[in-house]
Amino acid sequence: MSDFNDNVREFLARIPNPFALENVDDVVAEIQFHVDGPEGGDWYAEVKDGQAKLVEGTTLNPELVLRAGAEEVKALLSGTLDPFKAFMSGKVKVNGNMMLGLRLLKAIKLT
């Protein structure tokens, strides 16, 4: 779907926006992503009606905050990095509703 040589901004630009989520029609939430490193930045996802819309910037009251490097974010969103293993190994830092985060990451279907 996307080339891992892209920077995060290019990678996210290739994702349909909003994109569909499976089995989470009941979830309404905002998820903040802090991407570390030279190609980093801040994005958040507005989740509702079984879709997630990515917005560059920050949100005031996210239910969940994820912090990771660019490669980890691309791998999580593309489904090549298991969210639980990423958290347990320290590749991804999570603050807030962790169960919500795991549920949403498993619901992403970009292909």
Protein backbone atom coordinates (compact mmCIF):
# COMPACT_ATOMS: atom_id res chain seq x y z
CA MET A 1 0.00 0.00 0.00
CA SER A 2 2.68 2.54 0.98
CA ASP A 3 6.40 2.70 0.59
CA PHE A 4 8.22 2.55 3.92
CA ASN A 5 10.87 4.86 2.44
CA ASP A 6 8.27 7.66 2.54
CA ASN A 7 8.46 10.08 5.42
CA VAL A 8 5.51 10.01 7.81
CA ARG A 9 3.71 12.93 6.14
CA GLU A 10 3.96 11.24 2.70
CA PHE A 11 2.92 7.89 4.19
CA LEU A 12 -0.16 9.41 5.83
CA ALA A 13 -1.04 11.32 2.65
CA ARG A 14 -1.39 7.98 0.83
CA ILE A 15 -3.93 6.66 3.33
CA PRO A 16 -7.57 7.27 2.39
CA ASN A 17 -8.86 9.95 4.74
CA PRO A 18 -11.12 9.11 6.44
CA PHE A 19 -10.39 5.40 6.46
CA ALA A 20 -12.67 2.55 7.53
CA LEU A 21 -12.39 0.66 10.78
CA GLU A 22 -13.89 -2.78 11.35
CA ASN A 23 -16.18 -3.65 14.28
CA VAL A 24 -15.93 -0.30 16.10
CA ASP A 25 -19.08 1.50 14.97
CA ASP A 26 -19.86 2.29 18.63
CA VAL A 27 -16.56 4.12 19.31
CA VAL A 28 -16.33 7.92 19.44
CA ALA A 29 -12.85 9.10 20.41
CA GLU A 30 -9.86 11.27 19.61
CA ILE A 31 -6.44 9.63 19.52
CA GLN A 32 -3.27 11.75 19.58
CA PHE A 33 -0.10 10.56 17.78
CA HIS A 34 3.26 12.13 18.64
CA VAL A 35 5.82 10.95 16.09
CA ASP A 36 9.41 11.35 17.29
CA GLY A 37 12.48 11.97 15.19
CA PRO A 38 13.51 14.20 12.30
CA GLU A 39 10.44 13.36 10.23
CA GLY A 40 8.13 13.49 13.21
CA GLY A 41 5.19 15.67 14.06
CA ASP A 42 1.77 15.54 15.65
CA TRP A 43 -1.44 14.08 14.24
CA TYR A 44 -4.70 12.98 15.77
CA ALA A 45 -7.46 10.70 14.64
CA GLU A 46 -11.13 11.58 15.02
CA VAL A 47 -12.91 8.24 15.37
CA LYS A 48 -16.68 7.91 14.89
CA ASP A 49 -19.20 5.94 12.85
CA GLY A 50 -16.65 3.22 12.06
CA GLN A 51 -14.18 5.63 10.47
CA ALA A 52 -11.02 7.46 11.48
CA LYS A 53 -10.10 10.85 10.06
CA LEU A 54 -6.46 11.93 10.41
CA VAL A 55 -5.74 15.57 11.15
CA GLU A 56 -2.30 17.15 11.45
CA GLY A 57 -1.87 18.90 14.80
CA THR A 58 -2.95 18.29 18.37
CA THR A 59 -6.26 17.87 20.15
CA LEU A 60 -7.06 19.11 23.65
CA ASN A 61 -8.58 16.04 25.34
CA PRO A 62 -7.58 12.81 23.61
CA GLU A 63 -8.78 9.53 25.08
CA LEU A 64 -5.43 8.04 24.13
CA VAL A 65 -1.95 9.40 23.38
CA LEU A 66 0.59 7.32 21.45
CA ARG A 67 4.26 8.26 21.11
CA ALA A 68 6.55 6.39 18.75
CA GLY A 69 9.19 6.81 16.09
CA ALA A 70 8.28 7.25 12.44
CA GLU A 71 9.02 3.65 11.44
CA GLU A 72 6.89 2.28 14.28
CA VAL A 73 3.94 4.51 13.37
CA LYS A 74 4.09 3.44 9.73
CA ALA A 75 4.34 -0.23 10.75
CA LEU A 76 1.42 0.06 13.20
CA LEU A 77 -0.84 1.75 10.67
CA SER A 78 0.08 -0.67 7.90
CA GLY A 79 -0.52 -3.69 10.16
CA THR A 80 3.04 -5.03 10.07
CA LEU A 81 3.74 -4.30 13.75
CA ASP A 82 1.65 -5.99 16.42
CA PRO A 83 0.34 -3.23 18.74
CA PHE A 84 0.66 -5.31 21.92
CA LYS A 85 4.24 -6.35 21.13
CA ALA A 86 5.13 -2.76 20.22
CA PHE A 87 3.86 -1.56 23.58
CA MET A 88 5.47 -4.38 25.59
CA SER A 89 8.84 -3.85 23.88
CA GLY A 90 8.74 -0.10 24.54
CA LYS A 91 8.65 0.84 20.86
CA VAL A 92 5.35 2.62 21.46
CA LYS A 93 4.48 4.62 24.58
CA VAL A 94 0.80 4.83 25.48
CA ASN A 95 -1.06 7.12 27.89
CA GLY A 96 -4.78 6.83 28.42
CA ASN A 97 -7.24 4.09 27.51
CA MET A 98 -4.94 1.28 26.37
CA MET A 99 -7.77 -1.14 25.65
CA LEU A 100 -9.29 1.42 23.30
CA GLY A 101 -5.96 1.75 21.53
CA LEU A 102 -5.54 -1.98 21.02
CA ARG A 103 -9.12 -2.28 19.80
CA LEU A 104 -8.68 0.55 17.28
CA LEU A 105 -5.30 -0.62 15.99
CA LYS A 106 -6.75 -4.07 15.38
CA ALA A 107 -9.70 -2.46 13.56
CA ILE A 108 -7.57 -0.65 10.95
CA LYS A 109 -7.95 -2.13 7.49
CA LEU A 110 -6.00 -0.08 4.97
CA THR A 111 -5.67 -2.70 2.23
